[in-house]
Amino acid sequence: MREDSAYLLQPSGATMRVVLLGASGTIGRAVLEVLLADGHDVVCPLRRADPAVPEQVQRVIGDLSAPDQLEKAMRGADAVVSCLASRTGAPGDAWAVDHGLNAAALRAAEAQGVGRFVLLSAICVQKPALAFQKAKLAFEAELQASTLCHVIVRPTAFFKSLSGQMDRMRAGKPYLAFGDGRLTACKPISDGDLARFIANTLTNPACDNRILPVGGPGPALTPEEQGRLLADSLGVPFRMKRVPVGLLDVIIATLSVTGRLNRRARAKAELARIGRYYATESMLVWDEARQSYDADATPEFGQDRLEAFYARLAAGEVTVERGDHAVF
């Protein structure tokens, strides 16, 4: 890799009091597990009680947008880790959560003298075209301009986001791929490896005041290669059906026209735009000078590989909840 990788080294091992935002989400739960294993004292602001949050964790239940609630959680804290993310990516949701809630947390952290803020962002903000990307970037800019030492983590694709066609292929249907199946590529990272990476940034000075792209181990994988791994995990022949990207353009155009009068159609149009973006843009480091994605410049971290995850998924050992961003 050409990317400076000093931040991939092991952290100091010091412990601190950490406020974890978004502990109810998939990545948030994984981060919580690692923070506790590392001996950190963790506080979790939550909208409502969550049985998945262990008893030893201090919980602050209430309206997360209320300054007094957030400042209560921040008292005595050394650092904030934010895994907050909008569920749908729709404009209203994105600006309320990816930007608004994070901005409120930043103000509370500054008011309480917290020294460090680690943000889980996304590598797709490199080429912003969607509302949620612009909302994330707006908060990134506020965080960089703040008085806090900051770390912005931009991961590539998650394992769960590449698993939506398991049931389809199990039923004997072909793998669906946009274009020729090689339009994009990514270095997928597991929840556990990403959580470990995020936790490491808390006590690794090489991470201070940096934007850190990160992917999982191994070569970048195209959708076709991901489909072949799925087929191997199921023990079925690989068959692929190519879907023209233009089909998404037609759907977006139709929903956009309908959306002028119908709010639900407008929301679906935005989800279709999100789908089109992921169908045509790689989740790798973007080389602005060359105007291309660079797999070699995308740092690798962790040990978990996508093929092993697919094998566990095929065997029923794990399940995934893909939520509102599912394309297939």
C-alpha atoms as a PDB file:
ATOM      1  CA  MET A   1       0.000   0.000   0.000  1.00  0.00           C
ATOM      2  CA  ARG A   2       1.208   3.519  -0.759  1.00  0.00           C
ATOM      3  CA  GLU A   3      -0.933   4.950   2.052  1.00  0.00           C
ATOM      4  CA  ASP A   4       0.923   5.863   5.275  1.00  0.00           C
ATOM      5  CA  SER A   5      -0.114   3.006   7.542  1.00  0.00           C
ATOM      6  CA  ALA A   6       1.357   4.042  10.905  1.00  0.00           C
ATOM      7  CA  TYR A   7      -2.154   4.254  12.290  1.00  0.00           C
ATOM      8  CA  LEU A   8      -2.609   0.512  11.679  1.00  0.00           C
ATOM      9  CA  LEU A   9      -0.128  -0.217  14.485  1.00  0.00           C
ATOM     10  CA  GLN A  10      -1.279  -1.273  17.947  1.00  0.00           C
ATOM     11  CA  PRO A  11      -2.457   1.498  20.311  1.00  0.00           C
ATOM     12  CA  SER A  12      -0.935   2.301  23.705  1.00  0.00           C
ATOM     13  CA  GLY A  13      -3.384   0.176  25.700  1.00  0.00           C
ATOM     14  CA  ALA A  14      -4.445   3.023  28.032  1.00  0.00           C
ATOM     15  CA  THR A  15      -8.044   3.038  29.263  1.00  0.00           C
ATOM     16  CA  MET A  16     -10.450   5.953  29.444  1.00  0.00           C
ATOM     17  CA  ARG A  17     -14.062   6.968  29.958  1.00  0.00           C
ATOM     18  CA  VAL A  18     -15.765   6.763  26.558  1.00  0.00           C
ATOM     19  CA  VAL A  19     -19.188   8.010  25.459  1.00  0.00           C
ATOM     20  CA  LEU A  20     -20.434   5.703  22.697  1.00  0.00           C
ATOM     21  CA  LEU A  21     -23.142   7.083  20.414  1.00  0.00           C
ATOM     22  CA  GLY A  22     -25.116   4.652  18.265  1.00  0.00           C
ATOM     23  CA  ALA A  23     -24.564   1.648  20.542  1.00  0.00           C
ATOM     24  CA  SER A  24     -27.849   0.095  19.366  1.00  0.00           C
ATOM     25  CA  GLY A  25     -26.668  -0.196  15.768  1.00  0.00           C
ATOM     26  CA  THR A  26     -24.780  -3.089  14.202  1.00  0.00           C
ATOM     27  CA  ILE A  27     -21.356  -1.439  14.246  1.00  0.00           C
ATOM     28  CA  GLY A  28     -22.099   0.310  17.529  1.00  0.00           C
ATOM     29  CA  ARG A  29     -22.765  -3.011  19.258  1.00  0.00           C
ATOM     30  CA  ALA A  30     -19.512  -4.417  17.897  1.00  0.00           C
ATOM     31  CA  VAL A  31     -17.593  -1.337  19.066  1.00  0.00           C
ATOM     32  CA  LEU A  32     -19.163  -1.589  22.523  1.00  0.00           C
ATOM     33  CA  GLU A  33     -17.981  -5.185  22.849  1.00  0.00           C
ATOM     34  CA  VAL A  34     -14.405  -4.227  21.964  1.00  0.00           C
ATOM     35  CA  LEU A  35     -14.370  -1.169  24.249  1.00  0.00           C
ATOM     36  CA  LEU A  36     -15.479  -3.290  27.199  1.00  0.00           C
ATOM     37  CA  ALA A  37     -12.928  -5.984  26.371  1.00  0.00           C
ATOM     38  CA  ASP A  38     -10.228  -3.283  26.381  1.00  0.00           C
ATOM     39  CA  GLY A  39     -11.255  -2.167  29.875  1.00  0.00           C
ATOM     40  CA  HIS A  40     -12.731   1.213  28.978  1.00  0.00           C
ATOM     41  CA  ASP A  41     -15.463   2.759  31.145  1.00  0.00           C
ATOM     42  CA  VAL A  42     -18.333   3.169  28.648  1.00  0.00           C
ATOM     43  CA  VAL A  43     -21.376   5.461  28.734  1.00  0.00           C
ATOM     44  CA  CYS A  44     -24.157   4.880  26.190  1.00  0.00           C
ATOM     45  CA  PRO A  45     -26.750   7.617  25.503  1.00  0.00           C
ATOM     46  CA  LEU A  46     -29.871   5.831  24.227  1.00  0.00           C
ATOM     47  CA  ARG A  47     -33.316   6.903  23.087  1.00  0.00           C
ATOM     48  CA  ARG A  48     -34.801   3.918  24.893  1.00  0.00           C
ATOM     49  CA  ALA A  49     -33.613   1.004  26.991  1.00  0.00           C
ATOM     50  CA  ASP A  50     -31.772  -1.631  24.943  1.00  0.00           C
ATOM     51  CA  PRO A  51     -31.387  -5.162  26.383  1.00  0.00           C
ATOM     52  CA  ALA A  52     -28.338  -5.662  24.135  1.00  0.00           C
ATOM     53  CA  VAL A  53     -26.406  -3.093  26.211  1.00  0.00           C
ATOM     54  CA  PRO A  54     -24.755  -4.944  29.153  1.00  0.00           C
ATOM     55  CA  GLU A  55     -25.530  -4.057  32.763  1.00  0.00           C
ATOM     56  CA  GLN A  56     -22.015  -2.748  33.482  1.00  0.00           C
ATOM     57  CA  VAL A  57     -22.508   0.035  30.938  1.00  0.00           C
ATOM     58  CA  GLN A  58     -23.817   3.357  32.217  1.00  0.00           C
ATOM     59  CA  ARG A  59     -26.897   4.331  30.226  1.00  0.00           C
ATOM     60  CA  VAL A  60     -28.373   7.778  29.723  1.00  0.00           C
ATOM     61  CA  ILE A  61     -31.926   7.333  28.430  1.00  0.00           C
ATOM     62  CA  GLY A  62     -33.758  10.178  26.741  1.00  0.00           C
ATOM     63  CA  ASP A  63     -33.930  12.584  23.797  1.00  0.00           C
ATOM     64  CA  LEU A  64     -30.442  12.563  22.272  1.00  0.00           C
ATOM     65  CA  SER A  65     -31.048  15.901  20.586  1.00  0.00           C
ATOM     66  CA  ALA A  66     -31.537  17.584  23.985  1.00  0.00           C
ATOM     67  CA  PRO A  67     -28.346  19.402  25.063  1.00  0.00           C
ATOM     68  CA  ASP A  68     -28.853  18.612  28.761  1.00  0.00           C
ATOM     69  CA  GLN A  69     -29.089  14.872  28.067  1.00  0.00           C
ATOM     70  CA  LEU A  70     -25.933  14.833  25.981  1.00  0.00           C
ATOM     71  CA  GLU A  71     -23.998  17.024  28.408  1.00  0.00           C
ATOM     72  CA  LYS A  72     -25.032  14.700  31.233  1.00  0.00           C
ATOM     73  CA  ALA A  73     -23.546  11.789  29.300  1.00  0.00           C
ATOM     74  CA  MET A  74     -20.346  13.724  28.524  1.00  0.00           C
ATOM     75  CA  ARG A  75     -19.486  14.680  32.117  1.00  0.00           C
ATOM     76  CA  GLY A  76     -16.117  13.308  33.078  1.00  0.00           C
ATOM     77  CA  ALA A  77     -15.595  11.658  29.679  1.00  0.00           C
ATOM     78  CA  ASP A  78     -12.229  11.493  27.964  1.00  0.00           C
ATOM     79  CA  ALA A  79     -13.514  10.656  24.492  1.00  0.00           C
ATOM     80  CA  VAL A  80     -16.586  10.294  22.283  1.00  0.00           C
ATOM     81  CA  VAL A  81     -17.013   7.553  19.692  1.00  0.00           C
ATOM     82  CA  SER A  82     -19.899   8.210  17.309  1.00  0.00           C
ATOM     83  CA  CYS A  83     -21.356   5.359  15.273  1.00  0.00           C
ATOM     84  CA  LEU A  84     -24.499   7.359  14.522  1.00  0.00           C
ATOM     85  CA  ALA A  85     -25.930   6.948  11.028  1.00  0.00           C
ATOM     86  CA  SER A  86     -29.306   7.567   9.438  1.00  0.00           C
ATOM     87  CA  ARG A  87     -31.296   4.405   8.755  1.00  0.00           C
ATOM     88  CA  THR A  88     -32.556   5.324   5.299  1.00  0.00           C
ATOM     89  CA  GLY A  89     -30.157   7.898   3.910  1.00  0.00           C
ATOM     90  CA  ALA A  90     -33.165  10.043   2.941  1.00  0.00           C
ATOM     91  CA  PRO A  91     -32.392  13.788   3.107  1.00  0.00           C
ATOM     92  CA  GLY A  92     -34.453  14.593   6.205  1.00  0.00           C
ATOM     93  CA  ASP A  93     -33.139  11.577   8.097  1.00  0.00           C
ATOM     94  CA  ALA A  94     -29.547  12.212   7.013  1.00  0.00           C
ATOM     95  CA  TRP A  95     -29.457  15.857   8.038  1.00  0.00           C
ATOM     96  CA  ALA A  96     -31.171  15.082  11.337  1.00  0.00           C
ATOM     97  CA  VAL A  97     -28.834  12.230  12.310  1.00  0.00           C
ATOM     98  CA  ASP A  98     -25.578  12.169  10.309  1.00  0.00           C
ATOM     99  CA  HIS A  99     -25.232  15.900  10.771  1.00  0.00           C
ATOM    100  CA  GLY A 100     -27.670  17.145  13.422  1.00  0.00           C
ATOM    101  CA  LEU A 101     -27.216  14.594  16.209  1.00  0.00           C
ATOM    102  CA  ASN A 102     -23.478  14.466  15.696  1.00  0.00           C
ATOM    103  CA  ALA A 103     -23.277  18.269  15.807  1.00  0.00           C
ATOM    104  CA  ALA A 104     -25.271  18.320  19.057  1.00  0.00           C
ATOM    105  CA  ALA A 105     -22.925  15.711  20.524  1.00  0.00           C
ATOM    106  CA  LEU A 106     -19.891  17.759  19.452  1.00  0.00           C
ATOM    107  CA  ARG A 107     -21.269  20.889  21.150  1.00  0.00           C
ATOM    108  CA  ALA A 108     -21.939  18.915  24.331  1.00  0.00           C
ATOM    109  CA  ALA A 109     -18.461  17.397  24.247  1.00  0.00           C
ATOM    110  CA  GLU A 110     -16.857  20.826  23.861  1.00  0.00           C
ATOM    111  CA  ALA A 111     -18.965  22.221  26.700  1.00  0.00           C
ATOM    112  CA  GLN A 112     -17.840  19.397  29.014  1.00  0.00           C
ATOM    113  CA  GLY A 113     -14.174  19.556  28.080  1.00  0.00           C
ATOM    114  CA  VAL A 114     -13.990  16.180  26.337  1.00  0.00           C
ATOM    115  CA  GLY A 115     -10.652  15.856  24.591  1.00  0.00           C
ATOM    116  CA  ARG A 116     -11.246  13.401  21.729  1.00  0.00           C
ATOM    117  CA  PHE A 117     -13.963  12.621  19.182  1.00  0.00           C
ATOM    118  CA  VAL A 118     -13.834   9.526  16.936  1.00  0.00           C
ATOM    119  CA  LEU A 119     -16.346   9.577  14.084  1.00  0.00           C
ATOM    120  CA  LEU A 120     -17.483   6.619  11.996  1.00  0.00           C
ATOM    121  CA  SER A 121     -18.065   8.114   8.553  1.00  0.00           C
ATOM    122  CA  ALA A 122     -17.989   6.346   5.155  1.00  0.00           C
ATOM    123  CA  ILE A 123     -15.550   6.113   2.263  1.00  0.00           C
ATOM    124  CA  CYS A 124     -18.280   7.079  -0.227  1.00  0.00           C
ATOM    125  CA  VAL A 125     -18.157  10.721   0.917  1.00  0.00           C
ATOM    126  CA  GLN A 126     -15.071  11.150  -1.286  1.00  0.00           C
ATOM    127  CA  LYS A 127     -17.395  11.752  -4.254  1.00  0.00           C
ATOM    128  CA  PRO A 128     -20.531  13.239  -2.694  1.00  0.00           C
ATOM    129  CA  ALA A 129     -23.681  13.037  -4.795  1.00  0.00           C
ATOM    130  CA  LEU A 130     -26.316  12.088  -2.212  1.00  0.00           C
ATOM    131  CA  ALA A 131     -27.923  13.831   0.737  1.00  0.00           C
ATOM    132  CA  PHE A 132     -26.475  11.527   3.383  1.00  0.00           C
ATOM    133  CA  GLN A 133     -22.940  11.966   1.988  1.00  0.00           C
ATOM    134  CA  LYS A 134     -23.271  15.753   2.075  1.00  0.00           C
ATOM    135  CA  ALA A 135     -24.643  15.603   5.622  1.00  0.00           C
ATOM    136  CA  LYS A 136     -21.699  13.454   6.736  1.00  0.00           C
ATOM    137  CA  LEU A 137     -19.210  15.809   5.077  1.00  0.00           C
ATOM    138  CA  ALA A 138     -20.840  18.838   6.693  1.00  0.00           C
ATOM    139  CA  PHE A 139     -20.307  17.316  10.121  1.00  0.00           C
ATOM    140  CA  GLU A 140     -16.789  16.171   9.271  1.00  0.00           C
ATOM    141  CA  ALA A 141     -15.955  19.808   8.506  1.00  0.00           C
ATOM    142  CA  GLU A 142     -17.426  20.971  11.829  1.00  0.00           C
ATOM    143  CA  LEU A 143     -15.473  18.324  13.702  1.00  0.00           C
ATOM    144  CA  GLN A 144     -12.214  19.276  11.974  1.00  0.00           C
ATOM    145  CA  ALA A 145     -12.818  22.928  12.876  1.00  0.00           C
ATOM    146  CA  SER A 146     -13.526  22.131  16.533  1.00  0.00           C
ATOM    147  CA  THR A 147     -11.142  22.289  19.492  1.00  0.00           C
ATOM    148  CA  LEU A 148     -11.218  18.514  19.975  1.00  0.00           C
ATOM    149  CA  CYS A 149      -8.583  16.064  18.818  1.00  0.00           C
ATOM    150  CA  HIS A 150     -10.504  14.156  16.161  1.00  0.00           C
ATOM    151  CA  VAL A 151     -10.337  10.936  14.164  1.00  0.00           C
ATOM    152  CA  ILE A 152     -12.565  10.352  11.129  1.00  0.00           C
ATOM    153  CA  VAL A 153     -12.834   6.694  10.095  1.00  0.00           C
ATOM    154  CA  ARG A 154     -14.016   6.006   6.538  1.00  0.00           C
ATOM    155  CA  PRO A 155     -14.568   2.247   6.049  1.00  0.00           C
ATOM    156  CA  THR A 156     -15.294   0.468   2.799  1.00  0.00           C
ATOM    157  CA  ALA A 157     -18.219  -1.943   2.348  1.00  0.00           C
ATOM    158  CA  PHE A 158     -19.493  -4.043   5.266  1.00  0.00           C
ATOM    159  CA  PHE A 159     -19.937  -7.795   4.970  1.00  0.00           C
ATOM    160  CA  LYS A 160     -23.688  -7.533   5.549  1.00  0.00           C
ATOM    161  CA  SER A 161     -24.145  -5.075   2.668  1.00  0.00           C
ATOM    162  CA  LEU A 162     -22.703  -7.690   0.285  1.00  0.00           C
ATOM    163  CA  SER A 163     -24.871 -10.560   1.506  1.00  0.00           C
ATOM    164  CA  GLY A 164     -28.315  -9.700   0.200  1.00  0.00           C
ATOM    165  CA  GLN A 165     -28.386 -12.317  -2.569  1.00  0.00           C
ATOM    166  CA  MET A 166     -27.662 -15.367  -0.422  1.00  0.00           C
ATOM    167  CA  ASP A 167     -31.320 -16.468  -0.272  1.00  0.00           C
ATOM    168  CA  ARG A 168     -31.809 -15.718  -3.959  1.00  0.00           C
ATOM    169  CA  MET A 169     -28.913 -17.956  -4.964  1.00  0.00           C
ATOM    170  CA  ARG A 170     -29.912 -20.610  -2.452  1.00  0.00           C
ATOM    171  CA  ALA A 171     -33.233 -20.785  -4.312  1.00  0.00           C
ATOM    172  CA  GLY A 172     -31.413 -21.483  -7.589  1.00  0.00           C
ATOM    173  CA  LYS A 173     -31.721 -17.989  -9.058  1.00  0.00           C
ATOM    174  CA  PRO A 174     -28.801 -16.252 -10.784  1.00  0.00           C
ATOM    175  CA  TYR A 175     -26.647 -13.626  -9.135  1.00  0.00           C
ATOM    176  CA  LEU A 176     -27.687 -10.125 -10.206  1.00  0.00           C
ATOM    177  CA  ALA A 177     -24.959  -7.666 -11.155  1.00  0.00           C
ATOM    178  CA  PHE A 178     -25.129  -4.221 -12.688  1.00  0.00           C
ATOM    179  CA  GLY A 179     -23.276  -3.782 -15.942  1.00  0.00           C
ATOM    180  CA  ASP A 180     -20.720  -6.505 -16.574  1.00  0.00           C
ATOM    181  CA  GLY A 181     -20.264  -7.303 -12.874  1.00  0.00           C
ATOM    182  CA  ARG A 182     -16.924  -5.509 -12.777  1.00  0.00           C
ATOM    183  CA  LEU A 183     -17.986  -1.873 -12.662  1.00  0.00           C
ATOM    184  CA  THR A 184     -16.978  -1.498  -9.019  1.00  0.00           C
ATOM    185  CA  ALA A 185     -14.783  -3.062  -6.351  1.00  0.00           C
ATOM    186  CA  CYS A 186     -14.300  -2.879  -2.592  1.00  0.00           C
ATOM    187  CA  LYS A 187     -12.235  -4.311   0.249  1.00  0.00           C
ATOM    188  CA  PRO A 188     -15.043  -5.477   2.554  1.00  0.00           C
ATOM    189  CA  ILE A 189     -14.484  -5.312   6.301  1.00  0.00           C
ATOM    190  CA  SER A 190     -16.236  -7.254   9.074  1.00  0.00           C
ATOM    191  CA  ASP A 191     -18.087  -5.631  11.968  1.00  0.00           C
ATOM    192  CA  GLY A 192     -15.535  -7.046  14.400  1.00  0.00           C
ATOM    193  CA  ASP A 193     -12.458  -5.857  12.503  1.00  0.00           C
ATOM    194  CA  LEU A 194     -13.942  -2.386  12.014  1.00  0.00           C
ATOM    195  CA  ALA A 195     -14.856  -2.207  15.702  1.00  0.00           C
ATOM    196  CA  ARG A 196     -11.296  -3.148  16.664  1.00  0.00           C
ATOM    197  CA  PHE A 197      -9.915  -0.510  14.300  1.00  0.00           C
ATOM    198  CA  ILE A 198     -12.190   2.187  15.759  1.00  0.00           C
ATOM    199  CA  ALA A 199     -11.283   1.248  19.339  1.00  0.00           C
ATOM    200  CA  ASN A 200      -7.567   1.330  18.490  1.00  0.00           C
ATOM    201  CA  THR A 201      -7.809   4.952  17.318  1.00  0.00           C
ATOM    202  CA  LEU A 202      -8.693   6.042  20.847  1.00  0.00           C
ATOM    203  CA  THR A 203      -5.183   5.493  22.172  1.00  0.00           C
ATOM    204  CA  ASN A 204      -2.992   5.583  19.070  1.00  0.00           C
ATOM    205  CA  PRO A 205      -1.435   9.050  18.605  1.00  0.00           C
ATOM    206  CA  ALA A 206      -0.678   8.214  14.960  1.00  0.00           C
ATOM    207  CA  CYS A 207      -4.428   8.635  14.365  1.00  0.00           C
ATOM    208  CA  ASP A 208      -4.712  12.149  15.804  1.00  0.00           C
ATOM    209  CA  ASN A 209      -6.532  14.690  13.632  1.00  0.00           C
ATOM    210  CA  ARG A 210      -6.641  12.422  10.598  1.00  0.00           C
ATOM    211  CA  ILE A 211      -9.118  11.041   8.106  1.00  0.00           C
ATOM    212  CA  LEU A 212      -8.501   7.295   7.990  1.00  0.00           C
ATOM    213  CA  PRO A 213      -9.828   5.179   5.117  1.00  0.00           C
ATOM    214  CA  VAL A 214      -9.820   1.476   5.938  1.00  0.00           C
ATOM    215  CA  GLY A 215     -10.793  -1.809   4.335  1.00  0.00           C
ATOM    216  CA  GLY A 216     -10.567  -5.446   5.274  1.00  0.00           C
ATOM    217  CA  PRO A 217      -7.737  -7.828   4.378  1.00  0.00           C
ATOM    218  CA  GLY A 218      -7.180  -9.277   0.937  1.00  0.00           C
ATOM    219  CA  PRO A 219      -7.568  -8.013  -2.618  1.00  0.00           C
ATOM    220  CA  ALA A 220     -10.368  -5.739  -3.798  1.00  0.00           C
ATOM    221  CA  LEU A 221     -13.403  -7.735  -4.949  1.00  0.00           C
ATOM    222  CA  THR A 222     -15.758  -6.942  -7.833  1.00  0.00           C
ATOM    223  CA  PRO A 223     -19.463  -7.847  -7.615  1.00  0.00           C
ATOM    224  CA  GLU A 224     -18.833 -10.820  -9.921  1.00  0.00           C
ATOM    225  CA  GLU A 225     -16.112 -12.084  -7.585  1.00  0.00           C
ATOM    226  CA  GLN A 226     -18.423 -11.617  -4.608  1.00  0.00           C
ATOM    227  CA  GLY A 227     -21.081 -13.639  -6.443  1.00  0.00           C
ATOM    228  CA  ARG A 228     -18.631 -16.462  -7.108  1.00  0.00           C
ATOM    229  CA  LEU A 229     -17.756 -16.564  -3.409  1.00  0.00           C
ATOM    230  CA  LEU A 230     -21.476 -16.766  -2.586  1.00  0.00           C
ATOM    231  CA  ALA A 231     -21.938 -19.660  -5.008  1.00  0.00           C
ATOM    232  CA  ASP A 232     -18.931 -21.485  -3.538  1.00  0.00           C
ATOM    233  CA  SER A 233     -20.291 -21.078  -0.014  1.00  0.00           C
ATOM    234  CA  LEU A 234     -23.616 -22.606  -1.083  1.00  0.00           C
ATOM    235  CA  GLY A 235     -22.051 -25.320  -3.242  1.00  0.00           C
ATOM    236  CA  VAL A 236     -24.042 -24.255  -6.309  1.00  0.00           C
ATOM    237  CA  PRO A 237     -22.935 -23.405  -9.871  1.00  0.00           C
ATOM    238  CA  PHE A 238     -22.288 -19.712 -10.422  1.00  0.00           C
ATOM    239  CA  ARG A 239     -24.738 -18.032 -12.772  1.00  0.00           C
ATOM    240  CA  MET A 240     -24.897 -14.275 -13.252  1.00  0.00           C
ATOM    241  CA  LYS A 241     -27.607 -12.090 -14.763  1.00  0.00           C
ATOM    242  CA  ARG A 242     -26.467  -8.676 -15.942  1.00  0.00           C
ATOM    243  CA  VAL A 243     -28.737  -5.741 -15.116  1.00  0.00           C
ATOM    244  CA  PRO A 244     -28.228  -2.557 -17.175  1.00  0.00           C
ATOM    245  CA  VAL A 245     -27.508   0.527 -15.087  1.00  0.00           C
ATOM    246  CA  GLY A 246     -29.920   2.374 -17.353  1.00  0.00           C
ATOM    247  CA  LEU A 247     -32.760   0.493 -15.673  1.00  0.00           C
ATOM    248  CA  LEU A 248     -32.001   2.355 -12.449  1.00  0.00           C
ATOM    249  CA  ASP A 249     -31.992   5.627 -14.387  1.00  0.00           C
ATOM    250  CA  VAL A 250     -35.500   4.899 -15.675  1.00  0.00           C
ATOM    251  CA  ILE A 251     -36.707   4.033 -12.165  1.00  0.00           C
ATOM    252  CA  ILE A 252     -35.169   7.206 -10.725  1.00  0.00           C
ATOM    253  CA  ALA A 253     -36.687   9.386 -13.448  1.00  0.00           C
ATOM    254  CA  THR A 254     -40.136   7.845 -12.993  1.00  0.00           C
ATOM    255  CA  LEU A 255     -40.081   8.145  -9.209  1.00  0.00           C
ATOM    256  CA  SER A 256     -38.758  11.699  -9.411  1.00  0.00           C
ATOM    257  CA  VAL A 257     -41.697  12.787 -11.543  1.00  0.00           C
ATOM    258  CA  THR A 258     -44.185  11.019  -9.270  1.00  0.00           C
ATOM    259  CA  GLY A 259     -42.362  12.382  -6.230  1.00  0.00           C
ATOM    260  CA  ARG A 260     -43.341  15.939  -7.077  1.00  0.00           C
ATOM    261  CA  LEU A 261     -46.766  15.095  -5.695  1.00  0.00           C
ATOM    262  CA  ASN A 262     -46.097  12.004  -3.601  1.00  0.00           C
ATOM    263  CA  ARG A 263     -43.740  12.009  -0.597  1.00  0.00           C
ATOM    264  CA  ARG A 264     -43.328   8.223  -0.574  1.00  0.00           C
ATOM    265  CA  ALA A 265     -42.300   8.203  -4.216  1.00  0.00           C
ATOM    266  CA  ARG A 266     -39.836  10.996  -3.499  1.00  0.00           C
ATOM    267  CA  ALA A 267     -38.255   8.918  -0.722  1.00  0.00           C
ATOM    268  CA  LYS A 268     -38.069   5.867  -3.003  1.00  0.00           C
ATOM    269  CA  ALA A 269     -36.370   7.959  -5.674  1.00  0.00           C
ATOM    270  CA  GLU A 270     -33.640   8.859  -3.195  1.00  0.00           C
ATOM    271  CA  LEU A 271     -33.185   5.203  -2.257  1.00  0.00           C
ATOM    272  CA  ALA A 272     -32.895   4.384  -5.973  1.00  0.00           C
ATOM    273  CA  ARG A 273     -30.212   7.070  -6.322  1.00  0.00           C
ATOM    274  CA  ILE A 274     -28.350   5.469  -3.424  1.00  0.00           C
ATOM    275  CA  GLY A 275     -28.621   2.112  -5.178  1.00  0.00           C
ATOM    276  CA  ARG A 276     -27.316   3.563  -8.417  1.00  0.00           C
ATOM    277  CA  TYR A 277     -24.384   5.167  -6.642  1.00  0.00           C
ATOM    278  CA  TYR A 278     -23.293   1.879  -5.087  1.00  0.00           C
ATOM    279  CA  ALA A 279     -23.832   0.120  -8.427  1.00  0.00           C
ATOM    280  CA  THR A 280     -21.413   2.435 -10.230  1.00  0.00           C
ATOM    281  CA  GLU A 281     -18.888   3.715  -7.658  1.00  0.00           C
ATOM    282  CA  SER A 282     -16.187   1.637  -5.975  1.00  0.00           C
ATOM    283  CA  MET A 283     -15.730   1.698  -2.207  1.00  0.00           C
ATOM    284  CA  LEU A 284     -11.991   2.342  -2.417  1.00  0.00           C
ATOM    285  CA  VAL A 285      -9.689   5.324  -1.945  1.00  0.00           C
ATOM    286  CA  TRP A 286     -10.279   7.876  -4.698  1.00  0.00           C
ATOM    287  CA  ASP A 287      -7.172   9.237  -6.437  1.00  0.00           C
ATOM    288  CA  GLU A 288      -8.130  12.786  -7.344  1.00  0.00           C
ATOM    289  CA  ALA A 289      -5.083  13.362  -9.533  1.00  0.00           C
ATOM    290  CA  ARG A 290      -5.729  10.270 -11.656  1.00  0.00           C
ATOM    291  CA  GLN A 291      -9.526  10.500 -11.361  1.00  0.00           C
ATOM    292  CA  SER A 292      -9.773   6.820 -10.487  1.00  0.00           C
ATOM    293  CA  TYR A 293     -10.176   4.481  -7.539  1.00  0.00           C
ATOM    294  CA  ASP A 294      -6.990   2.959  -6.143  1.00  0.00           C
ATOM    295  CA  ALA A 295      -7.171  -0.443  -4.462  1.00  0.00           C
ATOM    296  CA  ASP A 296      -3.460  -0.346  -3.567  1.00  0.00           C
ATOM    297  CA  ALA A 297      -3.918   2.931  -1.687  1.00  0.00           C
ATOM    298  CA  THR A 298      -6.839   1.530   0.332  1.00  0.00           C
ATOM    299  CA  PRO A 299      -5.407   0.364   3.686  1.00  0.00           C
ATOM    300  CA  GLU A 300      -6.190  -3.144   4.895  1.00  0.00           C
ATOM    301  CA  PHE A 301      -6.911  -4.070   8.500  1.00  0.00           C
ATOM    302  CA  GLY A 302      -8.040  -7.152  10.374  1.00  0.00           C
ATOM    303  CA  GLN A 303      -8.225 -10.866   9.708  1.00  0.00           C
ATOM    304  CA  ASP A 304     -11.835 -11.648   8.765  1.00  0.00           C
ATOM    305  CA  ARG A 305     -12.451 -12.497   5.111  1.00  0.00           C
ATOM    306  CA  LEU A 306     -15.680 -12.314   3.158  1.00  0.00           C
ATOM    307  CA  GLU A 307     -15.551 -15.950   2.011  1.00  0.00           C
ATOM    308  CA  ALA A 308     -15.415 -17.174   5.611  1.00  0.00           C
ATOM    309  CA  PHE A 309     -18.382 -14.967   6.492  1.00  0.00           C
ATOM    310  CA  TYR A 310     -20.345 -16.321   3.529  1.00  0.00           C
ATOM    311  CA  ALA A 311     -19.595 -19.883   4.673  1.00  0.00           C
ATOM    312  CA  ARG A 312     -20.968 -19.119   8.142  1.00  0.00           C
ATOM    313  CA  LEU A 313     -23.997 -17.366   6.629  1.00  0.00           C
ATOM    314  CA  ALA A 314     -24.700 -20.331   4.330  1.00  0.00           C
ATOM    315  CA  ALA A 315     -24.465 -22.692   7.325  1.00  0.00           C
ATOM    316  CA  GLY A 316     -26.946 -20.591   9.317  1.00  0.00           C
ATOM    317  CA  GLU A 317     -24.355 -19.682  11.936  1.00  0.00           C
ATOM    318  CA  VAL A 318     -24.937 -15.951  11.452  1.00  0.00           C
ATOM    319  CA  THR A 319     -27.771 -13.763  10.184  1.00  0.00           C
ATOM    320  CA  VAL A 320     -27.794 -10.259   8.757  1.00  0.00           C
ATOM    321  CA  GLU A 321     -30.229  -7.370   8.978  1.00  0.00           C
ATOM    322  CA  ARG A 322     -29.600  -5.225   5.941  1.00  0.00           C
ATOM    323  CA  GLY A 323     -32.221  -2.544   6.585  1.00  0.00           C
ATOM    324  CA  ASP A 324     -33.305   0.256   4.297  1.00  0.00           C
ATOM    325  CA  HIS A 325     -30.203   0.406   2.096  1.00  0.00           C
ATOM    326  CA  ALA A 326     -30.818  -3.021   0.579  1.00  0.00           C
ATOM    327  CA  VAL A 327     -30.786  -2.965  -3.225  1.00  0.00           C
ATOM    328  CA  PHE A 328     -31.605  -6.626  -3.810  1.00  0.00           C
END
